Amino acid sequence: MACHQISLEINISLNLVVVVVVLVVVEVVVVVVVVVIVVIVVVVKLAPLEVEQDWAPKTGQPIAWIGIMRVF
């Protein structure tokens, strides 16, 4: 009976570990998705401003866009 109880406790602790790992993975995925959405929104909001700004003479790209590309 004691052996059966120990195996039950091990199973419960393994289940808790699996649940915690799944929650952490889901949380990381959600954070990454939110960050990507925020970056896309910021780039889209900046896009009309970039068109109005001075164009870099050599590359033909807006100066602000070159600055954004340097970050990445």
PDB file of N, CA and C in Angstrom:
ATOM      1  N   MET A   1       0.825  -1.196   0.000  1.00  0.00           N
ATOM      2  CA  MET A   1       0.000   0.000   0.000  1.00  0.00           C
ATOM      3  C   MET A   1       0.863   1.251   0.000  1.00  0.00           C
ATOM      4  N   ALA A   2       1.957   1.230   0.780  1.00  0.00           N
ATOM      5  CA  ALA A   2       2.840   2.395   0.859  1.00  0.00           C
ATOM      6  C   ALA A   2       3.511   2.637  -0.494  1.00  0.00           C
ATOM      7  N   CYS A   3       3.891   1.557  -1.167  1.00  0.00           N
ATOM      8  CA  CYS A   3       4.535   1.688  -2.474  1.00  0.00           C
ATOM      9  C   CYS A   3       3.573   2.318  -3.474  1.00  0.00           C
ATOM     10  N   HIS A   4       2.308   1.913  -3.415  1.00  0.00           N
ATOM     11  CA  HIS A   4       1.295   2.464  -4.321  1.00  0.00           C
ATOM     12  C   HIS A   4       1.111   3.965  -4.062  1.00  0.00           C
ATOM     13  N   GLN A   5       1.133   4.357  -2.785  1.00  0.00           N
ATOM     14  CA  GLN A   5       0.963   5.775  -2.435  1.00  0.00           C
ATOM     15  C   GLN A   5       2.153   6.598  -2.930  1.00  0.00           C
ATOM     16  N   ILE A   6       3.371   6.053  -2.830  1.00  0.00           N
ATOM     17  CA  ILE A   6       4.563   6.767  -3.309  1.00  0.00           C
ATOM     18  C   ILE A   6       4.474   6.981  -4.815  1.00  0.00           C
ATOM     19  N   SER A   7       4.037   5.961  -5.554  1.00  0.00           N
ATOM     20  CA  SER A   7       3.936   6.121  -7.006  1.00  0.00           C
ATOM     21  C   SER A   7       2.865   7.158  -7.357  1.00  0.00           C
ATOM     22  N   LEU A   8       1.792   7.224  -6.583  1.00  0.00           N
ATOM     23  CA  LEU A   8       0.769   8.243  -6.821  1.00  0.00           C
ATOM     24  C   LEU A   8       1.344   9.642  -6.605  1.00  0.00           C
ATOM     25  N   GLU A   9       2.140   9.801  -5.540  1.00  0.00           N
ATOM     26  CA  GLU A   9       2.738  11.110  -5.260  1.00  0.00           C
ATOM     27  C   GLU A   9       3.702  11.499  -6.381  1.00  0.00           C
ATOM     28  N   ILE A  10       4.461  10.534  -6.893  1.00  0.00           N
ATOM     29  CA  ILE A  10       5.386  10.820  -8.000  1.00  0.00           C
ATOM     30  C   ILE A  10       4.597  11.243  -9.234  1.00  0.00           C
ATOM     31  N   ASN A  11       3.496  10.538  -9.522  1.00  0.00           N
ATOM     32  CA  ASN A  11       2.670  10.893 -10.679  1.00  0.00           C
ATOM     33  C   ASN A  11       2.088  12.297 -10.533  1.00  0.00           C
ATOM     34  N   ILE A  12       1.622  12.627  -9.342  1.00  0.00           N
ATOM     35  CA  ILE A  12       1.049  13.959  -9.113  1.00  0.00           C
ATOM     36  C   ILE A  12       2.120  15.032  -9.303  1.00  0.00           C
ATOM     37  N   SER A  13       3.320  14.780  -8.764  1.00  0.00           N
ATOM     38  CA  SER A  13       4.382  15.783  -8.905  1.00  0.00           C
ATOM     39  C   SER A  13       4.813  15.915 -10.366  1.00  0.00           C
ATOM     40  N   LEU A  14       4.844  14.805 -11.109  1.00  0.00           N
ATOM     41  CA  LEU A  14       5.180  14.873 -12.533  1.00  0.00           C
ATOM     42  C   LEU A  14       4.113  15.647 -13.295  1.00  0.00           C
ATOM     43  N   ASN A  15       2.864  15.431 -12.947  1.00  0.00           N
ATOM     44  CA  ASN A  15       1.784  16.175 -13.593  1.00  0.00           C
ATOM     45  C   ASN A  15       1.918  17.661 -13.317  1.00  0.00           C
ATOM     46  N   LEU A  16       2.280  18.030 -12.103  1.00  0.00           N
ATOM     47  CA  LEU A  16       2.469  19.447 -11.773  1.00  0.00           C
ATOM     48  C   LEU A  16       3.615  20.037 -12.584  1.00  0.00           C
ATOM     49  N   VAL A  17       4.697  19.286 -12.729  1.00  0.00           N
ATOM     50  CA  VAL A  17       5.831  19.767 -13.521  1.00  0.00           C
ATOM     51  C   VAL A  17       5.397  19.986 -14.967  1.00  0.00           C
ATOM     52  N   VAL A  18       4.650  19.048 -15.526  1.00  0.00           N
ATOM     53  CA  VAL A  18       4.177  19.179 -16.907  1.00  0.00           C
ATOM     54  C   VAL A  18       3.277  20.397 -17.048  1.00  0.00           C
ATOM     55  N   VAL A  19       2.375  20.595 -16.102  1.00  0.00           N
ATOM     56  CA  VAL A  19       1.469  21.749 -16.154  1.00  0.00           C
ATOM     57  C   VAL A  19       2.263  23.050 -16.092  1.00  0.00           C
ATOM     58  N   VAL A  20       3.249  23.126 -15.207  1.00  0.00           N
ATOM     59  CA  VAL A  20       4.060  24.339 -15.081  1.00  0.00           C
ATOM     60  C   VAL A  20       4.836  24.598 -16.368  1.00  0.00           C
ATOM     61  N   VAL A  21       5.433  23.558 -16.943  1.00  0.00           N
ATOM     62  CA  VAL A  21       6.189  23.717 -18.188  1.00  0.00           C
ATOM     63  C   VAL A  21       5.267  24.201 -19.310  1.00  0.00           C
ATOM     64  N   VAL A  22       4.083  23.613 -19.419  1.00  0.00           N
ATOM     65  CA  VAL A  22       3.137  24.024 -20.460  1.00  0.00           C
ATOM     66  C   VAL A  22       2.737  25.483 -20.259  1.00  0.00           C
ATOM     67  N   LEU A  23       2.459  25.886 -19.027  1.00  0.00           N
ATOM     68  CA  LEU A  23       2.073  27.272 -18.749  1.00  0.00           C
ATOM     69  C   LEU A  23       3.197  28.238 -19.117  1.00  0.00           C
ATOM     70  N   VAL A  24       4.431  27.879 -18.789  1.00  0.00           N
ATOM     71  CA  VAL A  24       5.566  28.753 -19.119  1.00  0.00           C
ATOM     72  C   VAL A  24       5.708  28.875 -20.628  1.00  0.00           C
ATOM     73  N   VAL A  25       5.594  27.770 -21.354  1.00  0.00           N
ATOM     74  CA  VAL A  25       5.713  27.813 -22.819  1.00  0.00           C
ATOM     75  C   VAL A  25       4.606  28.680 -23.407  1.00  0.00           C
ATOM     76  N   VAL A  26       3.379  28.503 -22.942  1.00  0.00           N
ATOM     77  CA  VAL A  26       2.252  29.301 -23.447  1.00  0.00           C
ATOM     78  C   VAL A  26       2.488  30.778 -23.158  1.00  0.00           C
ATOM     79  N   GLU A  27       2.962  31.095 -21.958  1.00  0.00           N
ATOM     80  CA  GLU A  27       3.227  32.486 -21.599  1.00  0.00           C
ATOM     81  C   GLU A  27       4.304  33.092 -22.498  1.00  0.00           C
ATOM     82  N   VAL A  28       5.365  32.357 -22.758  1.00  0.00           N
ATOM     83  CA  VAL A  28       6.432  32.860 -23.629  1.00  0.00           C
ATOM     84  C   VAL A  28       5.889  33.110 -25.035  1.00  0.00           C
ATOM     85  N   VAL A  29       5.098  32.185 -25.549  1.00  0.00           N
ATOM     86  CA  VAL A  29       4.527  32.340 -26.893  1.00  0.00           C
ATOM     87  C   VAL A  29       3.640  33.583 -26.944  1.00  0.00           C
ATOM     88  N   VAL A  30       2.807  33.782 -25.922  1.00  0.00           N
ATOM     89  CA  VAL A  30       1.919  34.949 -25.889  1.00  0.00           C
ATOM     90  C   VAL A  30       2.737  36.233 -25.870  1.00  0.00           C
ATOM     91  N   VAL A  31       3.789  36.274 -25.056  1.00  0.00           N
ATOM     92  CA  VAL A  31       4.634  37.476 -24.980  1.00  0.00           C
ATOM     93  C   VAL A  31       5.282  37.745 -26.334  1.00  0.00           C
ATOM     94  N   VAL A  32       5.795  36.720 -26.990  1.00  0.00           N
ATOM     95  CA  VAL A  32       6.436  36.908 -28.300  1.00  0.00           C
ATOM     96  C   VAL A  32       5.422  37.434 -29.313  1.00  0.00           C
ATOM     97  N   VAL A  33       4.219  36.874 -29.319  1.00  0.00           N
ATOM     98  CA  VAL A  33       3.191  37.321 -30.260  1.00  0.00           C
ATOM     99  C   VAL A  33       2.835  38.779 -30.000  1.00  0.00           C
ATOM    100  N   VAL A  34       2.689  39.162 -28.738  1.00  0.00           N
ATOM    101  CA  VAL A  34       2.356  40.547 -28.406  1.00  0.00           C
ATOM    102  C   VAL A  34       3.468  41.483 -28.855  1.00  0.00           C
ATOM    103  N   VAL A  35       4.725  41.108 -28.616  1.00  0.00           N
ATOM    104  CA  VAL A  35       5.851  41.953 -29.026  1.00  0.00           C
ATOM    105  C   VAL A  35       5.867  42.117 -30.544  1.00  0.00           C
ATOM    106  N   VAL A  36       5.642  41.033 -31.281  1.00  0.00           N
ATOM    107  CA  VAL A  36       5.632  41.116 -32.746  1.00  0.00           C
ATOM    108  C   VAL A  36       4.514  42.035 -33.217  1.00  0.00           C
ATOM    109  N   ILE A  37       3.329  41.917 -32.615  1.00  0.00           N
ATOM    110  CA  ILE A  37       2.205  42.780 -33.002  1.00  0.00           C
ATOM    111  C   ILE A  37       2.535  44.237 -32.717  1.00  0.00           C
ATOM    112  N   VAL A  38       3.134  44.513 -31.565  1.00  0.00           N
ATOM    113  CA  VAL A  38       3.489  45.897 -31.220  1.00  0.00           C
ATOM    114  C   VAL A  38       4.503  46.445 -32.217  1.00  0.00           C
ATOM    115  N   VAL A  39       5.504  45.652 -32.583  1.00  0.00           N
ATOM    116  CA  VAL A  39       6.514  46.110 -33.556  1.00  0.00           C
ATOM    117  C   VAL A  39       5.848  46.402 -34.898  1.00  0.00           C
ATOM    118  N   ILE A  40       4.959  45.530 -35.346  1.00  0.00           N
ATOM    119  CA  ILE A  40       4.278  45.743 -36.628  1.00  0.00           C
ATOM    120  C   ILE A  40       3.445  47.024 -36.575  1.00  0.00           C
ATOM    121  N   VAL A  41       2.715  47.225 -35.481  1.00  0.00           N
ATOM    122  CA  VAL A  41       1.884  48.429 -35.349  1.00  0.00           C
ATOM    123  C   VAL A  41       2.757  49.680 -35.358  1.00  0.00           C
ATOM    124  N   VAL A  42       3.888  49.646 -34.649  1.00  0.00           N
ATOM    125  CA  VAL A  42       4.778  50.808 -34.609  1.00  0.00           C
ATOM    126  C   VAL A  42       5.327  51.095 -36.002  1.00  0.00           C
ATOM    127  N   VAL A  43       5.747  50.064 -36.725  1.00  0.00           N
ATOM    128  CA  VAL A  43       6.285  50.266 -38.076  1.00  0.00           C
ATOM    129  C   VAL A  43       5.200  50.824 -38.996  1.00  0.00           C
ATOM    130  N   VAL A  44       3.973  50.302 -38.886  1.00  0.00           N
ATOM    131  CA  VAL A  44       2.886  50.790 -39.732  1.00  0.00           C
ATOM    132  C   VAL A  44       2.552  52.241 -39.398  1.00  0.00           C
ATOM    133  N   LYS A  45       2.578  52.583 -38.107  1.00  0.00           N
ATOM    134  CA  LYS A  45       2.289  53.967 -37.712  1.00  0.00           C
ATOM    135  C   LYS A  45       3.396  54.900 -38.194  1.00  0.00           C
ATOM    136  N   LEU A  46       4.641  54.427 -38.208  1.00  0.00           N
ATOM    137  CA  LEU A  46       5.762  55.275 -38.631  1.00  0.00           C
ATOM    138  C   LEU A  46       5.858  55.382 -40.150  1.00  0.00           C
ATOM    139  N   ALA A  47       5.255  54.430 -40.871  1.00  0.00           N
ATOM    140  CA  ALA A  47       5.401  54.399 -42.330  1.00  0.00           C
ATOM    141  C   ALA A  47       4.970  55.709 -42.997  1.00  0.00           C
ATOM    142  N   PRO A  48       3.810  56.293 -42.676  1.00  0.00           N
ATOM    143  CA  PRO A  48       3.445  57.560 -43.331  1.00  0.00           C
ATOM    144  C   PRO A  48       4.420  58.685 -42.999  1.00  0.00           C
ATOM    145  N   LEU A  49       4.980  58.668 -41.785  1.00  0.00           N
ATOM    146  CA  LEU A  49       5.946  59.710 -41.400  1.00  0.00           C
ATOM    147  C   LEU A  49       7.228  59.576 -42.212  1.00  0.00           C
ATOM    148  N   GLU A  50       7.618  58.317 -42.478  1.00  0.00           N
ATOM    149  CA  GLU A  50       8.867  58.098 -43.207  1.00  0.00           C
ATOM    150  C   GLU A  50       8.780  58.639 -44.635  1.00  0.00           C
ATOM    151  N   VAL A  51       7.607  58.530 -45.235  1.00  0.00           N
ATOM    152  CA  VAL A  51       7.451  58.990 -46.612  1.00  0.00           C
ATOM    153  C   VAL A  51       7.661  60.502 -46.686  1.00  0.00           C
ATOM    154  N   GLU A  52       7.222  61.219 -45.633  1.00  0.00           N
ATOM    155  CA  GLU A  52       7.331  62.675 -45.635  1.00  0.00           C
ATOM    156  C   GLU A  52       8.746  63.142 -45.317  1.00  0.00           C
ATOM    157  N   GLN A  53       9.560  62.292 -44.719  1.00  0.00           N
ATOM    158  CA  GLN A  53      10.896  62.717 -44.320  1.00  0.00           C
ATOM    159  C   GLN A  53      11.849  62.700 -45.518  1.00  0.00           C
ATOM    160  N   ASP A  54      13.027  63.264 -45.271  1.00  0.00           N
ATOM    161  CA  ASP A  54      14.041  63.315 -46.327  1.00  0.00           C
ATOM    162  C   ASP A  54      14.491  61.897 -46.690  1.00  0.00           C
ATOM    163  N   TRP A  55      14.755  61.711 -47.974  1.00  0.00           N
ATOM    164  CA  TRP A  55      15.233  60.417 -48.446  1.00  0.00           C
ATOM    165  C   TRP A  55      16.751  60.424 -48.441  1.00  0.00           C
ATOM    166  N   ALA A  56      17.307  59.301 -48.054  1.00  0.00           N
ATOM    167  CA  ALA A  56      18.760  59.171 -48.068  1.00  0.00           C
ATOM    168  C   ALA A  56      19.228  59.134 -49.523  1.00  0.00           C
ATOM    169  N   PRO A  57      20.210  59.938 -49.887  1.00  0.00           N
ATOM    170  CA  PRO A  57      20.576  60.063 -51.295  1.00  0.00           C
ATOM    171  C   PRO A  57      21.119  58.780 -51.931  1.00  0.00           C
ATOM    172  N   LYS A  58      21.901  57.986 -51.200  1.00  0.00           N
ATOM    173  CA  LYS A  58      22.576  56.841 -51.830  1.00  0.00           C
ATOM    174  C   LYS A  58      21.660  55.624 -51.936  1.00  0.00           C
ATOM    175  N   THR A  59      20.896  55.350 -50.889  1.00  0.00           N
ATOM    176  CA  THR A  59      20.126  54.105 -50.879  1.00  0.00           C
ATOM    177  C   THR A  59      18.718  54.297 -51.427  1.00  0.00           C
ATOM    178  N   GLY A  60      18.208  55.521 -51.438  1.00  0.00           N
ATOM    179  CA  GLY A  60      16.848  55.743 -51.890  1.00  0.00           C
ATOM    180  C   GLY A  60      15.815  55.325 -50.871  1.00  0.00           C
ATOM    181  N   GLN A  61      16.245  55.102 -49.628  1.00  0.00           N
ATOM    182  CA  GLN A  61      15.311  54.734 -48.563  1.00  0.00           C
ATOM    183  C   GLN A  61      15.172  55.903 -47.593  1.00  0.00           C
ATOM    184  N   PRO A  62      14.027  55.987 -46.905  1.00  0.00           N
ATOM    185  CA  PRO A  62      13.887  57.038 -45.898  1.00  0.00           C
ATOM    186  C   PRO A  62      14.922  56.869 -44.791  1.00  0.00           C
ATOM    187  N   ILE A  63      15.383  57.990 -44.257  1.00  0.00           N
ATOM    188  CA  ILE A  63      16.414  57.947 -43.215  1.00  0.00           C
ATOM    189  C   ILE A  63      15.902  57.193 -41.989  1.00  0.00           C
ATOM    190  N   ALA A  64      14.630  57.433 -41.615  1.00  0.00           N
ATOM    191  CA  ALA A  64      14.078  56.754 -40.437  1.00  0.00           C
ATOM    192  C   ALA A  64      14.040  55.240 -40.650  1.00  0.00           C
ATOM    193  N   TRP A  65      13.720  54.810 -41.872  1.00  0.00           N
ATOM    194  CA  TRP A  65      13.659  53.366 -42.145  1.00  0.00           C
ATOM    195  C   TRP A  65      15.044  52.746 -42.022  1.00  0.00           C
ATOM    196  N   ILE A  66      16.072  53.461 -42.470  1.00  0.00           N
ATOM    197  CA  ILE A  66      17.443  52.953 -42.339  1.00  0.00           C
ATOM    198  C   ILE A  66      17.779  52.796 -40.858  1.00  0.00           C
ATOM    199  N   GLY A  67      17.333  53.762 -40.040  1.00  0.00           N
ATOM    200  CA  GLY A  67      17.574  53.659 -38.596  1.00  0.00           C
ATOM    201  C   GLY A  67      16.898  52.450 -38.000  1.00  0.00           C
ATOM    202  N   ILE A  68      15.662  52.168 -38.446  1.00  0.00           N
ATOM    203  CA  ILE A  68      14.951  50.992 -37.933  1.00  0.00           C
ATOM    204  C   ILE A  68      15.672  49.717 -38.371  1.00  0.00           C
ATOM    205  N   MET A  69      16.142  49.677 -39.626  1.00  0.00           N
ATOM    206  CA  MET A  69      16.810  48.469 -40.105  1.00  0.00           C
ATOM    207  C   MET A  69      18.131  48.231 -39.382  1.00  0.00           C
ATOM    208  N   ARG A  70      18.781  49.301 -38.942  1.00  0.00           N
ATOM    209  CA  ARG A  70      20.035  49.118 -38.184  1.00  0.00           C
ATOM    210  C   ARG A  70      19.768  48.438 -36.854  1.00  0.00           C
ATOM    211  N   VAL A  71      18.603  48.713 -36.247  1.00  0.00           N
ATOM    212  CA  VAL A  71      18.272  48.089 -34.968  1.00  0.00           C
ATOM    213  C   VAL A  71      18.145  46.584 -35.146  1.00  0.00           C
ATOM    214  N   PHE A  72      17.519  46.165 -36.253  1.00  0.00           N
ATOM    215  CA  PHE A  72      17.366  44.731 -36.502  1.00  0.00           C
ATOM    216  C   PHE A  72      18.587  44.226 -37.222  1.00  0.00           C
TER     217      PHE A  72
END
